[in-house]
Amino acid sequence: MRFSRLGIISLVLLTVLIGTNCTYYNRVLARKNLVDGGTAYKNRKFDEAEQNFRYAIDRDPESKEGKTARLFLARTLHSQFIGNRQEIAKAEEAIKEYKGVLAQDISDQSSFSAVGSLLENLNRDAEWQQWIVDRTNNEQVPAPQRAEALTKLAAKKYSCANEISDVEPVKKTVTKEGKQIFEFSKPQDPATFQTFSGCVQEGSELIDRAVKLDNNSDAVWSYKANMLVQQSRLAEMNGNTQQRDALRAEADKAKERFTELATARKAKEDALKAEKEAQANAANSNSAKQ
């Protein structure tokens, strides 16, 4: 009986040891596949990269390496589709993989943006709209990212409004007091004017929500200024010159805020770039000395 128990214990230990070694071996291979896939991707050998990333996912799907491989598989499939727009299946699978990454990390903004880009490329406008709207309403998403999604929606409304208000005969160049200025009048077609008014109102509401979520985004303030300009044109079309002038002044302030934030962001990016270059130069210098 003692021998039988000892045999069972030995068998269990052997099974655990084999399983542990197998898991470790798969993890090592997954890491190798991830590195090889990254090298192939960098060299634009996308078929080779795709194969390696798939191997890494299959061998160790739940590890950090497996999750990273899923993200890079999505990027590889995305790149293959961009290279050949007939590869619709690649785009579909890329969307699926990006969404899988987001399911694990809702704040992965690059994956969110990539899905939106692919939906636009596939001309799936309604799905794109819903994808962005859902992001704006998801309180688990960081506020700056929700603001960015709102800005994307506002940008569409701005384009809609500007395509109507920035062309003749709605926009005319006139001379007053020796200066050439622009004047804006209602489109002759009432339906077109209604579309313009709707886009201005909806775009303004969207960008105001974005400002509340992220008051320090230069992109948000850029579109805030743009929508104020459209509001001033709408006021002029309605014959309300006092409101027009007030909105123009407000737009100028928004432009100043945008410039201030954009300048600060650029300075921060330049400083970070200079720091990285200094660190790289220091590392190369130390290597040369050794």
C-alpha atoms as a PDB file:
ATOM      1  CA  MET A   1       0.000   0.000   0.000  1.00  0.00           C
ATOM      2  CA  ARG A   2       2.890   2.362   0.830  1.00  0.00           C
ATOM      3  CA  PHE A   3       4.433   1.717  -2.584  1.00  0.00           C
ATOM      4  CA  SER A   4       1.124   2.371  -4.294  1.00  0.00           C
ATOM      5  CA  ARG A   5       0.749   5.714  -2.527  1.00  0.00           C
ATOM      6  CA  LEU A   6       4.346   6.645  -3.302  1.00  0.00           C
ATOM      7  CA  GLY A   7       3.772   5.773  -6.940  1.00  0.00           C
ATOM      8  CA  ILE A   8       0.698   7.953  -7.129  1.00  0.00           C
ATOM      9  CA  ILE A   9       2.521  10.893  -5.510  1.00  0.00           C
ATOM     10  CA  SER A  10       5.442  10.470  -7.917  1.00  0.00           C
ATOM     11  CA  LEU A  11       3.084  10.384 -10.869  1.00  0.00           C
ATOM     12  CA  VAL A  12       1.353  13.553  -9.740  1.00  0.00           C
ATOM     13  CA  LEU A  13       4.678  15.339  -9.245  1.00  0.00           C
ATOM     14  CA  LEU A  14       5.877  14.198 -12.659  1.00  0.00           C
ATOM     15  CA  THR A  15       2.683  15.438 -14.306  1.00  0.00           C
ATOM     16  CA  VAL A  16       3.005  18.853 -12.623  1.00  0.00           C
ATOM     17  CA  LEU A  17       6.685  19.057 -13.600  1.00  0.00           C
ATOM     18  CA  ILE A  18       5.960  18.208 -17.229  1.00  0.00           C
ATOM     19  CA  GLY A  19       3.098  20.736 -17.326  1.00  0.00           C
ATOM     20  CA  THR A  20       5.257  23.430 -15.776  1.00  0.00           C
ATOM     21  CA  ASN A  21       8.085  22.774 -18.215  1.00  0.00           C
ATOM     22  CA  CYS A  22       5.647  22.802 -21.130  1.00  0.00           C
ATOM     23  CA  THR A  23       4.194  26.151 -20.027  1.00  0.00           C
ATOM     24  CA  TYR A  24       7.673  27.620 -19.624  1.00  0.00           C
ATOM     25  CA  TYR A  25       8.764  26.266 -23.004  1.00  0.00           C
ATOM     26  CA  ASN A  26       5.693  27.709 -24.726  1.00  0.00           C
ATOM     27  CA  ARG A  27       6.321  31.086 -23.083  1.00  0.00           C
ATOM     28  CA  VAL A  28       9.909  31.126 -24.308  1.00  0.00           C
ATOM     29  CA  LEU A  29       8.791  30.262 -27.842  1.00  0.00           C
ATOM     30  CA  ALA A  30       6.027  32.891 -27.682  1.00  0.00           C
ATOM     31  CA  ARG A  31       8.589  35.532 -26.749  1.00  0.00           C
ATOM     32  CA  LYS A  32      10.784  34.473 -29.653  1.00  0.00           C
ATOM     33  CA  ASN A  33       7.809  34.613 -32.020  1.00  0.00           C
ATOM     34  CA  LEU A  34       6.950  38.089 -30.706  1.00  0.00           C
ATOM     35  CA  VAL A  35      10.496  39.356 -31.304  1.00  0.00           C
ATOM     36  CA  ASP A  36      10.696  37.746 -34.756  1.00  0.00           C
ATOM     37  CA  GLY A  37       7.285  39.145 -35.639  1.00  0.00           C
ATOM     38  CA  GLY A  38       8.320  42.620 -34.527  1.00  0.00           C
ATOM     39  CA  THR A  39      11.431  42.474 -36.689  1.00  0.00           C
ATOM     40  CA  ALA A  40       9.438  41.288 -39.698  1.00  0.00           C
ATOM     41  CA  TYR A  41       6.840  44.007 -39.135  1.00  0.00           C
ATOM     42  CA  LYS A  42       9.526  46.672 -38.951  1.00  0.00           C
ATOM     43  CA  ASN A  43      10.930  45.400 -42.257  1.00  0.00           C
ATOM     44  CA  ARG A  44       7.401  45.413 -43.750  1.00  0.00           C
ATOM     45  CA  LYS A  45       7.397  41.640 -44.175  1.00  0.00           C
ATOM     46  CA  PHE A  46       3.785  41.512 -43.080  1.00  0.00           C
ATOM     47  CA  ASP A  47       3.018  37.888 -44.021  1.00  0.00           C
ATOM     48  CA  GLU A  48       5.965  36.692 -41.932  1.00  0.00           C
ATOM     49  CA  ALA A  49       4.987  39.024 -39.083  1.00  0.00           C
ATOM     50  CA  GLU A  50       1.401  37.772 -39.142  1.00  0.00           C
ATOM     51  CA  GLN A  51       2.534  34.147 -38.907  1.00  0.00           C
ATOM     52  CA  ASN A  52       4.819  34.845 -35.937  1.00  0.00           C
ATOM     53  CA  PHE A  53       2.214  36.824 -34.041  1.00  0.00           C
ATOM     54  CA  ARG A  54      -0.328  34.038 -34.550  1.00  0.00           C
ATOM     55  CA  TYR A  55       2.175  31.502 -33.204  1.00  0.00           C
ATOM     56  CA  ALA A  56       2.802  33.683 -30.138  1.00  0.00           C
ATOM     57  CA  ILE A  57      -0.931  33.980 -29.428  1.00  0.00           C
ATOM     58  CA  ASP A  58      -1.523  30.251 -29.842  1.00  0.00           C
ATOM     59  CA  ARG A  59       1.382  29.317 -27.573  1.00  0.00           C
ATOM     60  CA  ASP A  60       0.714  31.725 -24.714  1.00  0.00           C
ATOM     61  CA  PRO A  61      -2.579  33.594 -25.216  1.00  0.00           C
ATOM     62  CA  GLU A  62      -3.087  34.867 -21.651  1.00  0.00           C
ATOM     63  CA  SER A  63       0.427  36.109 -20.933  1.00  0.00           C
ATOM     64  CA  LYS A  64       1.698  39.638 -21.440  1.00  0.00           C
ATOM     65  CA  GLU A  65       3.475  38.424 -24.580  1.00  0.00           C
ATOM     66  CA  GLY A  66       0.282  36.878 -25.953  1.00  0.00           C
ATOM     67  CA  LYS A  67      -1.690  40.074 -25.396  1.00  0.00           C
ATOM     68  CA  THR A  68       1.050  42.155 -27.020  1.00  0.00           C
ATOM     69  CA  ALA A  69       1.089  39.752 -29.950  1.00  0.00           C
ATOM     70  CA  ARG A  70      -2.685  40.231 -30.360  1.00  0.00           C
ATOM     71  CA  LEU A  71      -2.216  43.985 -30.646  1.00  0.00           C
ATOM     72  CA  PHE A  72       0.585  43.619 -33.184  1.00  0.00           C
ATOM     73  CA  LEU A  73      -1.391  41.056 -35.139  1.00  0.00           C
ATOM     74  CA  ALA A  74      -4.174  43.645 -35.439  1.00  0.00           C
ATOM     75  CA  ARG A  75      -1.670  46.252 -36.637  1.00  0.00           C
ATOM     76  CA  THR A  76      -0.190  43.815 -39.129  1.00  0.00           C
ATOM     77  CA  LEU A  77      -3.589  42.922 -40.574  1.00  0.00           C
ATOM     78  CA  HIS A  78      -4.396  46.636 -40.686  1.00  0.00           C
ATOM     79  CA  SER A  79      -1.202  47.329 -42.639  1.00  0.00           C
ATOM     80  CA  GLN A  80      -1.967  44.504 -45.063  1.00  0.00           C
ATOM     81  CA  PHE A  81      -5.386  45.986 -45.741  1.00  0.00           C
ATOM     82  CA  ILE A  82      -3.942  49.476 -46.264  1.00  0.00           C
ATOM     83  CA  GLY A  83      -1.522  47.962 -48.780  1.00  0.00           C
ATOM     84  CA  ASN A  84      -4.349  46.206 -50.619  1.00  0.00           C
ATOM     85  CA  ARG A  85      -7.875  47.552 -50.107  1.00  0.00           C
ATOM     86  CA  GLN A  86      -9.292  44.372 -51.634  1.00  0.00           C
ATOM     87  CA  GLU A  87      -8.214  42.471 -48.500  1.00  0.00           C
ATOM     88  CA  ILE A  88     -11.517  43.122 -46.722  1.00  0.00           C
ATOM     89  CA  ALA A  89     -11.131  39.989 -44.593  1.00  0.00           C
ATOM     90  CA  LYS A  90      -7.882  41.380 -43.192  1.00  0.00           C
ATOM     91  CA  ALA A  91      -9.673  44.567 -42.175  1.00  0.00           C
ATOM     92  CA  GLU A  92     -12.505  42.626 -40.559  1.00  0.00           C
ATOM     93  CA  GLU A  93     -10.105  40.499 -38.542  1.00  0.00           C
ATOM     94  CA  ALA A  94      -8.065  43.562 -37.571  1.00  0.00           C
ATOM     95  CA  ILE A  95     -11.222  45.181 -36.179  1.00  0.00           C
ATOM     96  CA  LYS A  96     -11.963  42.023 -34.203  1.00  0.00           C
ATOM     97  CA  GLU A  97      -8.442  41.901 -32.748  1.00  0.00           C
ATOM     98  CA  TYR A  98      -8.421  45.604 -31.875  1.00  0.00           C
ATOM     99  CA  LYS A  99     -11.727  45.162 -30.076  1.00  0.00           C
ATOM    100  CA  GLY A 100     -10.218  42.224 -28.197  1.00  0.00           C
ATOM    101  CA  VAL A 101      -7.384  44.463 -27.038  1.00  0.00           C
ATOM    102  CA  LEU A 102      -9.891  47.113 -25.924  1.00  0.00           C
ATOM    103  CA  ALA A 103     -11.860  44.500 -23.997  1.00  0.00           C
ATOM    104  CA  GLN A 104      -8.741  44.002 -21.880  1.00  0.00           C
ATOM    105  CA  ASP A 105      -7.778  47.689 -21.726  1.00  0.00           C
ATOM    106  CA  ILE A 106     -10.565  50.179 -22.435  1.00  0.00           C
ATOM    107  CA  SER A 107      -8.056  53.069 -22.384  1.00  0.00           C
ATOM    108  CA  ASP A 108      -6.040  51.788 -25.364  1.00  0.00           C
ATOM    109  CA  GLN A 109      -6.661  54.859 -27.512  1.00  0.00           C
ATOM    110  CA  SER A 110      -4.587  53.666 -30.468  1.00  0.00           C
ATOM    111  CA  SER A 111      -6.771  50.558 -30.860  1.00  0.00           C
ATOM    112  CA  PHE A 112      -9.952  52.616 -30.555  1.00  0.00           C
ATOM    113  CA  SER A 113      -8.734  55.058 -33.223  1.00  0.00           C
ATOM    114  CA  ALA A 114      -7.627  52.190 -35.466  1.00  0.00           C
ATOM    115  CA  VAL A 115     -11.113  50.648 -35.422  1.00  0.00           C
ATOM    116  CA  GLY A 116     -12.608  54.023 -36.319  1.00  0.00           C
ATOM    117  CA  SER A 117     -10.143  54.455 -39.164  1.00  0.00           C
ATOM    118  CA  LEU A 118     -10.915  51.006 -40.568  1.00  0.00           C
ATOM    119  CA  LEU A 119     -14.671  51.578 -40.387  1.00  0.00           C
ATOM    120  CA  GLU A 120     -14.228  54.831 -42.312  1.00  0.00           C
ATOM    121  CA  ASN A 121     -12.058  53.099 -44.913  1.00  0.00           C
ATOM    122  CA  LEU A 122     -14.754  50.452 -45.318  1.00  0.00           C
ATOM    123  CA  ASN A 123     -17.392  53.212 -45.746  1.00  0.00           C
ATOM    124  CA  ARG A 124     -19.387  51.879 -42.805  1.00  0.00           C
ATOM    125  CA  ASP A 125     -20.504  55.337 -41.741  1.00  0.00           C
ATOM    126  CA  ALA A 126     -23.361  54.307 -39.456  1.00  0.00           C
ATOM    127  CA  GLU A 127     -21.143  51.830 -37.634  1.00  0.00           C
ATOM    128  CA  TRP A 128     -18.387  54.447 -37.349  1.00  0.00           C
ATOM    129  CA  GLN A 129     -20.886  56.915 -35.870  1.00  0.00           C
ATOM    130  CA  GLN A 130     -22.079  54.395 -33.279  1.00  0.00           C
ATOM    131  CA  TRP A 131     -18.512  53.383 -32.436  1.00  0.00           C
ATOM    132  CA  ILE A 132     -17.581  56.996 -31.631  1.00  0.00           C
ATOM    133  CA  VAL A 133     -20.841  57.797 -29.823  1.00  0.00           C
ATOM    134  CA  ASP A 134     -20.473  54.741 -27.582  1.00  0.00           C
ATOM    135  CA  ARG A 135     -16.990  55.952 -26.637  1.00  0.00           C
ATOM    136  CA  THR A 136     -18.270  59.388 -25.655  1.00  0.00           C
ATOM    137  CA  ASN A 137     -20.908  57.880 -23.379  1.00  0.00           C
ATOM    138  CA  ASN A 138     -18.711  55.262 -21.695  1.00  0.00           C
ATOM    139  CA  GLU A 139     -17.795  56.638 -18.271  1.00  0.00           C
ATOM    140  CA  GLN A 140     -15.132  53.930 -17.845  1.00  0.00           C
ATOM    141  CA  VAL A 141     -13.150  55.673 -20.594  1.00  0.00           C
ATOM    142  CA  PRO A 142     -10.780  58.442 -19.354  1.00  0.00           C
ATOM    143  CA  ALA A 143     -12.247  61.925 -19.771  1.00  0.00           C
ATOM    144  CA  PRO A 144      -9.595  63.191 -22.260  1.00  0.00           C
ATOM    145  CA  GLN A 145     -10.314  60.222 -24.533  1.00  0.00           C
ATOM    146  CA  ARG A 146     -14.043  60.830 -24.380  1.00  0.00           C
ATOM    147  CA  ALA A 147     -13.323  64.473 -25.256  1.00  0.00           C
ATOM    148  CA  GLU A 148     -11.284  63.331 -28.246  1.00  0.00           C
ATOM    149  CA  ALA A 149     -14.192  61.176 -29.440  1.00  0.00           C
ATOM    150  CA  LEU A 150     -16.582  64.123 -29.071  1.00  0.00           C
ATOM    151  CA  THR A 151     -14.159  66.251 -31.083  1.00  0.00           C
ATOM    152  CA  LYS A 152     -14.222  63.682 -33.885  1.00  0.00           C
ATOM    153  CA  LEU A 153     -18.012  63.975 -34.021  1.00  0.00           C
ATOM    154  CA  ALA A 154     -17.837  67.770 -33.865  1.00  0.00           C
ATOM    155  CA  ALA A 155     -15.327  67.761 -36.735  1.00  0.00           C
ATOM    156  CA  LYS A 156     -17.881  66.008 -38.946  1.00  0.00           C
ATOM    157  CA  LYS A 157     -20.489  68.646 -38.087  1.00  0.00           C
ATOM    158  CA  TYR A 158     -17.988  71.418 -38.751  1.00  0.00           C
ATOM    159  CA  SER A 159     -17.243  69.994 -42.209  1.00  0.00           C
ATOM    160  CA  CYS A 160     -20.987  69.776 -42.888  1.00  0.00           C
ATOM    161  CA  ALA A 161     -21.473  73.452 -41.912  1.00  0.00           C
ATOM    162  CA  ASN A 162     -18.358  74.783 -43.624  1.00  0.00           C
ATOM    163  CA  GLU A 163     -19.163  73.077 -46.925  1.00  0.00           C
ATOM    164  CA  ILE A 164     -22.319  75.211 -47.020  1.00  0.00           C
ATOM    165  CA  SER A 165     -21.119  78.515 -45.540  1.00  0.00           C
ATOM    166  CA  ASP A 166     -17.720  78.751 -47.218  1.00  0.00           C
ATOM    167  CA  VAL A 167     -18.839  78.785 -50.873  1.00  0.00           C
ATOM    168  CA  GLU A 168     -20.534  81.307 -53.111  1.00  0.00           C
ATOM    169  CA  PRO A 169     -23.161  82.661 -53.197  1.00  0.00           C
ATOM    170  CA  VAL A 170     -23.469  82.125 -49.411  1.00  0.00           C
ATOM    171  CA  LYS A 171     -20.020  83.618 -48.893  1.00  0.00           C
ATOM    172  CA  LYS A 172     -19.283  86.782 -50.839  1.00  0.00           C
ATOM    173  CA  THR A 173     -16.334  89.171 -50.905  1.00  0.00           C
ATOM    174  CA  VAL A 174     -17.423  92.792 -50.603  1.00  0.00           C
ATOM    175  CA  THR A 175     -15.617  96.094 -50.123  1.00  0.00           C
ATOM    176  CA  LYS A 176     -16.535  98.284 -47.163  1.00  0.00           C
ATOM    177  CA  GLU A 177     -14.655 101.402 -46.106  1.00  0.00           C
ATOM    178  CA  GLY A 178     -11.893 100.502 -48.526  1.00  0.00           C
ATOM    179  CA  LYS A 179     -11.439  96.999 -47.106  1.00  0.00           C
ATOM    180  CA  GLN A 180     -12.413  93.651 -48.541  1.00  0.00           C
ATOM    181  CA  ILE A 181     -14.448  91.542 -46.139  1.00  0.00           C
ATOM    182  CA  PHE A 182     -16.630  88.462 -46.293  1.00  0.00           C
ATOM    183  CA  GLU A 183     -20.395  88.620 -46.018  1.00  0.00           C
ATOM    184  CA  PHE A 184     -22.611  85.632 -45.392  1.00  0.00           C
ATOM    185  CA  SER A 185     -26.193  85.232 -46.524  1.00  0.00           C
ATOM    186  CA  LYS A 186     -28.725  82.427 -46.256  1.00  0.00           C
ATOM    187  CA  PRO A 187     -28.574  79.680 -48.880  1.00  0.00           C
ATOM    188  CA  GLN A 188     -31.381  80.056 -51.390  1.00  0.00           C
ATOM    189  CA  ASP A 189     -32.585  76.528 -50.697  1.00  0.00           C
ATOM    190  CA  PRO A 190     -34.420  76.427 -47.306  1.00  0.00           C
ATOM    191  CA  ALA A 191     -33.475  72.756 -46.841  1.00  0.00           C
ATOM    192  CA  THR A 192     -29.790  73.624 -47.222  1.00  0.00           C
ATOM    193  CA  PHE A 193     -30.122  76.382 -44.628  1.00  0.00           C
ATOM    194  CA  GLN A 194     -31.849  73.960 -42.277  1.00  0.00           C
ATOM    195  CA  THR A 195     -29.007  71.470 -42.730  1.00  0.00           C
ATOM    196  CA  PHE A 196     -26.467  74.210 -42.033  1.00  0.00           C
ATOM    197  CA  SER A 197     -28.293  75.350 -38.890  1.00  0.00           C
ATOM    198  CA  GLY A 198     -28.564  71.769 -37.625  1.00  0.00           C
ATOM    199  CA  CYS A 199     -24.868  71.046 -38.160  1.00  0.00           C
ATOM    200  CA  VAL A 200     -23.869  74.276 -36.385  1.00  0.00           C
ATOM    201  CA  GLN A 201     -26.099  73.543 -33.409  1.00  0.00           C
ATOM    202  CA  GLU A 202     -25.110  69.874 -33.075  1.00  0.00           C
ATOM    203  CA  GLY A 203     -21.410  70.550 -33.596  1.00  0.00           C
ATOM    204  CA  SER A 204     -21.437  73.342 -31.008  1.00  0.00           C
ATOM    205  CA  GLU A 205     -23.145  71.113 -28.436  1.00  0.00           C
ATOM    206  CA  LEU A 206     -20.634  68.323 -29.041  1.00  0.00           C
ATOM    207  CA  ILE A 207     -17.588  70.540 -28.705  1.00  0.00           C
ATOM    208  CA  ASP A 208     -18.974  72.194 -25.554  1.00  0.00           C
ATOM    209  CA  ARG A 209     -19.223  68.727 -23.995  1.00  0.00           C
ATOM    210  CA  ALA A 210     -15.630  68.069 -25.047  1.00  0.00           C
ATOM    211  CA  VAL A 211     -14.413  71.296 -23.404  1.00  0.00           C
ATOM    212  CA  LYS A 212     -16.041  70.263 -20.113  1.00  0.00           C
ATOM    213  CA  LEU A 213     -14.238  66.908 -20.233  1.00  0.00           C
ATOM    214  CA  ASP A 214     -10.839  68.250 -21.285  1.00  0.00           C
ATOM    215  CA  ASN A 215     -10.257  71.972 -21.001  1.00  0.00           C
ATOM    216  CA  ASN A 216      -6.536  71.617 -21.786  1.00  0.00           C
ATOM    217  CA  SER A 217      -6.674  69.999 -25.215  1.00  0.00           C
ATOM    218  CA  ASP A 218      -5.498  72.155 -28.106  1.00  0.00           C
ATOM    219  CA  ALA A 219      -7.456  69.952 -30.536  1.00  0.00           C
ATOM    220  CA  VAL A 220     -10.661  70.564 -28.582  1.00  0.00           C
ATOM    221  CA  TRP A 221     -10.093  74.327 -28.533  1.00  0.00           C
ATOM    222  CA  SER A 222      -9.274  74.333 -32.234  1.00  0.00           C
ATOM    223  CA  TYR A 223     -12.734  72.986 -33.032  1.00  0.00           C
ATOM    224  CA  LYS A 224     -14.313  75.169 -30.363  1.00  0.00           C
ATOM    225  CA  ALA A 225     -12.981  78.176 -32.300  1.00  0.00           C
ATOM    226  CA  ASN A 226     -14.127  76.680 -35.607  1.00  0.00           C
ATOM    227  CA  MET A 227     -17.665  76.101 -34.377  1.00  0.00           C
ATOM    228  CA  LEU A 228     -17.861  79.634 -32.957  1.00  0.00           C
ATOM    229  CA  VAL A 229     -16.960  80.941 -36.418  1.00  0.00           C
ATOM    230  CA  GLN A 230     -19.808  78.912 -37.891  1.00  0.00           C
ATOM    231  CA  GLN A 231     -22.155  80.231 -35.198  1.00  0.00           C
ATOM    232  CA  SER A 232     -21.172  83.804 -36.121  1.00  0.00           C
ATOM    233  CA  ARG A 233     -21.968  83.101 -39.774  1.00  0.00           C
ATOM    234  CA  LEU A 234     -25.355  81.695 -38.792  1.00  0.00           C
ATOM    235  CA  ALA A 235     -26.074  84.817 -36.720  1.00  0.00           C
ATOM    236  CA  GLU A 236     -25.178  87.011 -39.692  1.00  0.00           C
ATOM    237  CA  MET A 237     -27.445  85.013 -41.982  1.00  0.00           C
ATOM    238  CA  ASN A 238     -30.244  85.604 -39.496  1.00  0.00           C
ATOM    239  CA  GLY A 239     -29.520  89.353 -39.512  1.00  0.00           C
ATOM    240  CA  ASN A 240     -28.285  89.448 -35.917  1.00  0.00           C
ATOM    241  CA  THR A 241     -25.084  91.518 -36.290  1.00  0.00           C
ATOM    242  CA  GLN A 242     -24.705  92.106 -32.548  1.00  0.00           C
ATOM    243  CA  GLN A 243     -24.659  88.380 -31.850  1.00  0.00           C
ATOM    244  CA  ARG A 244     -22.340  87.864 -34.832  1.00  0.00           C
ATOM    245  CA  ASP A 245     -19.788  90.312 -33.441  1.00  0.00           C
ATOM    246  CA  ALA A 246     -19.957  88.781 -29.966  1.00  0.00           C
ATOM    247  CA  LEU A 247     -19.392  85.298 -31.395  1.00  0.00           C
ATOM    248  CA  ARG A 248     -16.463  86.503 -33.490  1.00  0.00           C
ATOM    249  CA  ALA A 249     -14.852  87.951 -30.369  1.00  0.00           C
ATOM    250  CA  GLU A 250     -15.450  84.682 -28.546  1.00  0.00           C
ATOM    251  CA  ALA A 251     -13.925  82.774 -31.477  1.00  0.00           C
ATOM    252  CA  ASP A 252     -10.818  84.951 -31.310  1.00  0.00           C
ATOM    253  CA  LYS A 253     -10.410  84.119 -27.623  1.00  0.00           C
ATOM    254  CA  ALA A 254     -10.823  80.422 -28.386  1.00  0.00           C
ATOM    255  CA  LYS A 255      -8.123  80.705 -31.065  1.00  0.00           C
ATOM    256  CA  GLU A 256      -5.805  82.323 -28.513  1.00  0.00           C
ATOM    257  CA  ARG A 257      -6.478  79.467 -26.096  1.00  0.00           C
ATOM    258  CA  PHE A 258      -5.745  76.963 -28.851  1.00  0.00           C
ATOM    259  CA  THR A 259      -2.464  78.691 -29.746  1.00  0.00           C
ATOM    260  CA  GLU A 260      -1.408  78.794 -26.085  1.00  0.00           C
ATOM    261  CA  LEU A 261      -2.091  75.084 -25.567  1.00  0.00           C
ATOM    262  CA  ALA A 262      -0.562  74.017 -28.893  1.00  0.00           C
ATOM    263  CA  THR A 263       2.614  75.991 -28.155  1.00  0.00           C
ATOM    264  CA  ALA A 264       2.909  74.435 -24.685  1.00  0.00           C
ATOM    265  CA  ARG A 265       2.366  70.937 -26.071  1.00  0.00           C
ATOM    266  CA  LYS A 266       4.984  71.465 -28.783  1.00  0.00           C
ATOM    267  CA  ALA A 267       7.510  72.746 -26.222  1.00  0.00           C
ATOM    268  CA  LYS A 268       6.878  69.705 -24.026  1.00  0.00           C
ATOM    269  CA  GLU A 269       7.293  67.331 -26.981  1.00  0.00           C
ATOM    270  CA  ASP A 270      10.523  69.063 -28.045  1.00  0.00           C
ATOM    271  CA  ALA A 271      11.925  68.849 -24.515  1.00  0.00           C
ATOM    272  CA  LEU A 272      11.068  65.144 -24.304  1.00  0.00           C
ATOM    273  CA  LYS A 273      12.672  64.505 -27.690  1.00  0.00           C
ATOM    274  CA  ALA A 274      15.825  66.371 -26.649  1.00  0.00           C
ATOM    275  CA  GLU A 275      15.985  64.367 -23.406  1.00  0.00           C
ATOM    276  CA  LYS A 276      15.718  61.055 -25.286  1.00  0.00           C
ATOM    277  CA  GLU A 277      18.398  62.134 -27.750  1.00  0.00           C
ATOM    278  CA  ALA A 278      20.682  63.125 -24.878  1.00  0.00           C
ATOM    279  CA  GLN A 279      20.152  59.745 -23.202  1.00  0.00           C
ATOM    280  CA  ALA A 280      20.861  57.924 -26.465  1.00  0.00           C
ATOM    281  CA  ASN A 281      24.030  59.959 -27.040  1.00  0.00           C
ATOM    282  CA  ALA A 282      25.167  59.250 -23.481  1.00  0.00           C
ATOM    283  CA  ALA A 283      24.545  55.529 -23.930  1.00  0.00           C
ATOM    284  CA  ASN A 284      26.477  55.486 -27.220  1.00  0.00           C
ATOM    285  CA  SER A 285      29.345  57.394 -25.581  1.00  0.00           C
ATOM    286  CA  ASN A 286      29.536  54.905 -22.707  1.00  0.00           C
ATOM    287  CA  SER A 287      29.485  51.999 -25.150  1.00  0.00           C
ATOM    288  CA  ALA A 288      32.347  53.525 -27.125  1.00  0.00           C
ATOM    289  CA  LYS A 289      34.427  53.953 -23.962  1.00  0.00           C
ATOM    290  CA  GLN A 290      33.909  50.330 -23.031  1.00  0.00           C
END
